[in-house]
Amino acid sequence: MRSVKKSATMAIAIVTFLAFTAFTNYKTETVKIQTSAVCGSCESTLKTALSKVDGIKSVSLNVDNAVLTVKYDSKQADTDKIRKAISLAGYDADDVKADPTAYENLHSCCKKDAVH
């Protein structure tokens, strides 16, 4: 009986240690990226594009200044991947220019020269 209790206690200790280790390795970072987004439809497009990047936790766009705020798991994503995904969606991302083909495929209201 003591052997069973000892084994159970040891198993619980190991599981607790592994869970704690996994939790401490998870780190949420926040990055603010200047984009060429101009409207609410742009935010929807960007959210969809970034949802395909592993580790993205949340995305929000301040339409007034075109700054996209992205929260992400730094173990799964990084700012280069995030900027690349934004570019491939058709938008500038800081110094990364929009993919020309993706930009041409944007809805007319989402283009830089659109009138709102």
Protein backbone atom coordinates (compact mmCIF):
# COMPACT_ATOMS: atom_id res chain seq x y z
CA MET A 1 0.00 0.00 0.00
CA ARG A 2 2.83 2.38 0.83
CA SER A 3 4.37 1.68 -2.55
CA VAL A 4 1.14 2.70 -4.30
CA LYS A 5 0.88 5.92 -2.28
CA LYS A 6 4.52 6.71 -2.94
CA SER A 7 4.07 6.08 -6.68
CA ALA A 8 0.93 8.21 -6.80
CA THR A 9 2.64 11.04 -4.93
CA MET A 10 5.62 10.86 -7.28
CA ALA A 11 3.33 10.89 -10.35
CA ILE A 12 1.46 13.94 -9.05
CA ALA A 13 4.74 15.73 -8.39
CA ILE A 14 6.01 14.99 -11.90
CA VAL A 15 2.77 16.13 -13.55
CA THR A 16 2.76 19.32 -11.46
CA PHE A 17 6.37 20.04 -12.40
CA LEU A 18 5.73 19.47 -16.11
CA ALA A 19 2.62 21.65 -16.06
CA PHE A 20 4.50 24.44 -14.29
CA THR A 21 7.40 24.17 -16.75
CA ALA A 22 5.06 24.34 -19.73
CA PHE A 23 3.25 27.34 -18.25
CA THR A 24 6.45 29.28 -17.59
CA ASN A 25 7.66 28.73 -21.16
CA TYR A 26 4.52 30.41 -22.51
CA LYS A 27 5.07 34.14 -22.91
CA THR A 28 2.63 36.58 -24.46
CA GLU A 29 4.24 39.51 -26.23
CA THR A 30 2.57 42.57 -27.73
CA VAL A 31 3.72 44.38 -30.85
CA LYS A 32 2.34 47.53 -32.46
CA ILE A 33 2.78 47.66 -36.23
CA GLN A 34 2.18 50.65 -38.49
CA THR A 35 0.06 49.45 -41.39
CA SER A 36 -1.56 50.87 -44.50
CA ALA A 37 -5.02 49.78 -43.29
CA VAL A 38 -7.74 52.39 -43.72
CA CYS A 39 -11.08 50.96 -42.57
CA GLY A 40 -12.96 48.40 -40.52
CA SER A 41 -12.94 45.96 -43.41
CA CYS A 42 -9.16 46.11 -43.30
CA GLU A 43 -9.25 45.01 -39.66
CA SER A 44 -11.40 42.02 -40.58
CA THR A 45 -9.01 41.06 -43.40
CA LEU A 46 -6.00 41.40 -41.11
CA LYS A 47 -7.62 39.34 -38.35
CA THR A 48 -8.37 36.57 -40.83
CA ALA A 49 -4.82 36.62 -42.22
CA LEU A 50 -3.19 36.62 -38.79
CA SER A 51 -5.47 33.87 -37.48
CA LYS A 52 -3.51 31.55 -39.78
CA VAL A 53 -0.25 32.31 -37.93
CA ASP A 54 0.35 29.94 -35.02
CA GLY A 55 0.56 31.69 -31.68
CA ILE A 56 -1.55 34.77 -32.46
CA LYS A 57 -3.74 35.57 -29.45
CA SER A 58 -5.48 38.82 -30.46
CA VAL A 59 -5.47 41.46 -33.18
CA SER A 60 -6.94 44.96 -33.07
CA LEU A 61 -6.63 47.90 -35.42
CA ASN A 62 -6.79 51.57 -34.50
CA VAL A 63 -8.29 52.84 -37.76
CA ASP A 64 -7.48 56.48 -36.90
CA ASN A 65 -3.71 55.92 -36.99
CA ALA A 66 -3.55 52.53 -38.80
CA VAL A 67 -1.65 50.91 -35.93
CA LEU A 68 -2.29 47.20 -35.54
CA THR A 69 -1.79 45.75 -32.06
CA VAL A 70 -1.01 42.04 -32.02
CA LYS A 71 -0.66 39.84 -28.95
CA TYR A 72 1.17 36.60 -29.63
CA ASP A 73 2.94 33.65 -28.03
CA SER A 74 6.63 34.34 -28.54
CA LYS A 75 7.36 30.60 -28.55
CA GLN A 76 5.25 30.17 -31.70
CA ALA A 77 5.40 33.46 -33.58
CA ASP A 78 7.70 36.42 -34.02
CA THR A 79 7.42 39.91 -35.44
CA ASP A 80 8.91 38.90 -38.80
CA LYS A 81 6.22 36.23 -39.30
CA ILE A 82 3.54 38.71 -38.27
CA ARG A 83 4.77 41.42 -40.66
CA LYS A 84 5.05 38.87 -43.48
CA ALA A 85 1.44 37.74 -42.93
CA ILE A 86 0.28 41.37 -42.99
CA SER A 87 2.18 41.96 -46.24
CA LEU A 88 0.71 38.83 -47.81
CA ALA A 89 -2.75 40.13 -46.87
CA GLY A 90 -2.08 43.24 -48.98
CA TYR A 91 -0.98 45.79 -46.37
CA ASP A 92 2.27 47.53 -45.48
CA ALA A 93 3.67 46.45 -42.11
CA ASP A 94 6.22 48.95 -40.78
CA ASP A 95 9.03 48.78 -43.36
CA VAL A 96 7.67 45.63 -45.06
CA LYS A 97 5.74 46.65 -48.16
CA ALA A 98 2.44 45.06 -49.12
CA ASP A 99 2.56 42.15 -51.53
CA PRO A 100 1.55 43.80 -54.85
CA THR A 101 -0.77 40.98 -55.96
CA ALA A 102 -2.50 40.83 -52.58
CA TYR A 103 -2.87 44.63 -52.59
CA GLU A 104 -4.54 44.55 -56.01
CA ASN A 105 -6.99 41.93 -54.72
CA LEU A 106 -8.10 44.07 -51.76
CA HIS A 107 -11.60 45.51 -51.81
CA SER A 108 -11.54 49.06 -53.22
CA CYS A 109 -12.36 50.59 -49.82
CA CYS A 110 -9.19 49.02 -48.37
CA LYS A 111 -6.74 50.65 -50.77
CA LYS A 112 -4.57 53.57 -49.69
CA ASP A 113 -6.24 56.06 -52.02
CA ALA A 114 -9.80 55.03 -51.07
CA VAL A 115 -12.22 57.78 -50.11
CA HIS A 116 -13.97 57.22 -46.78
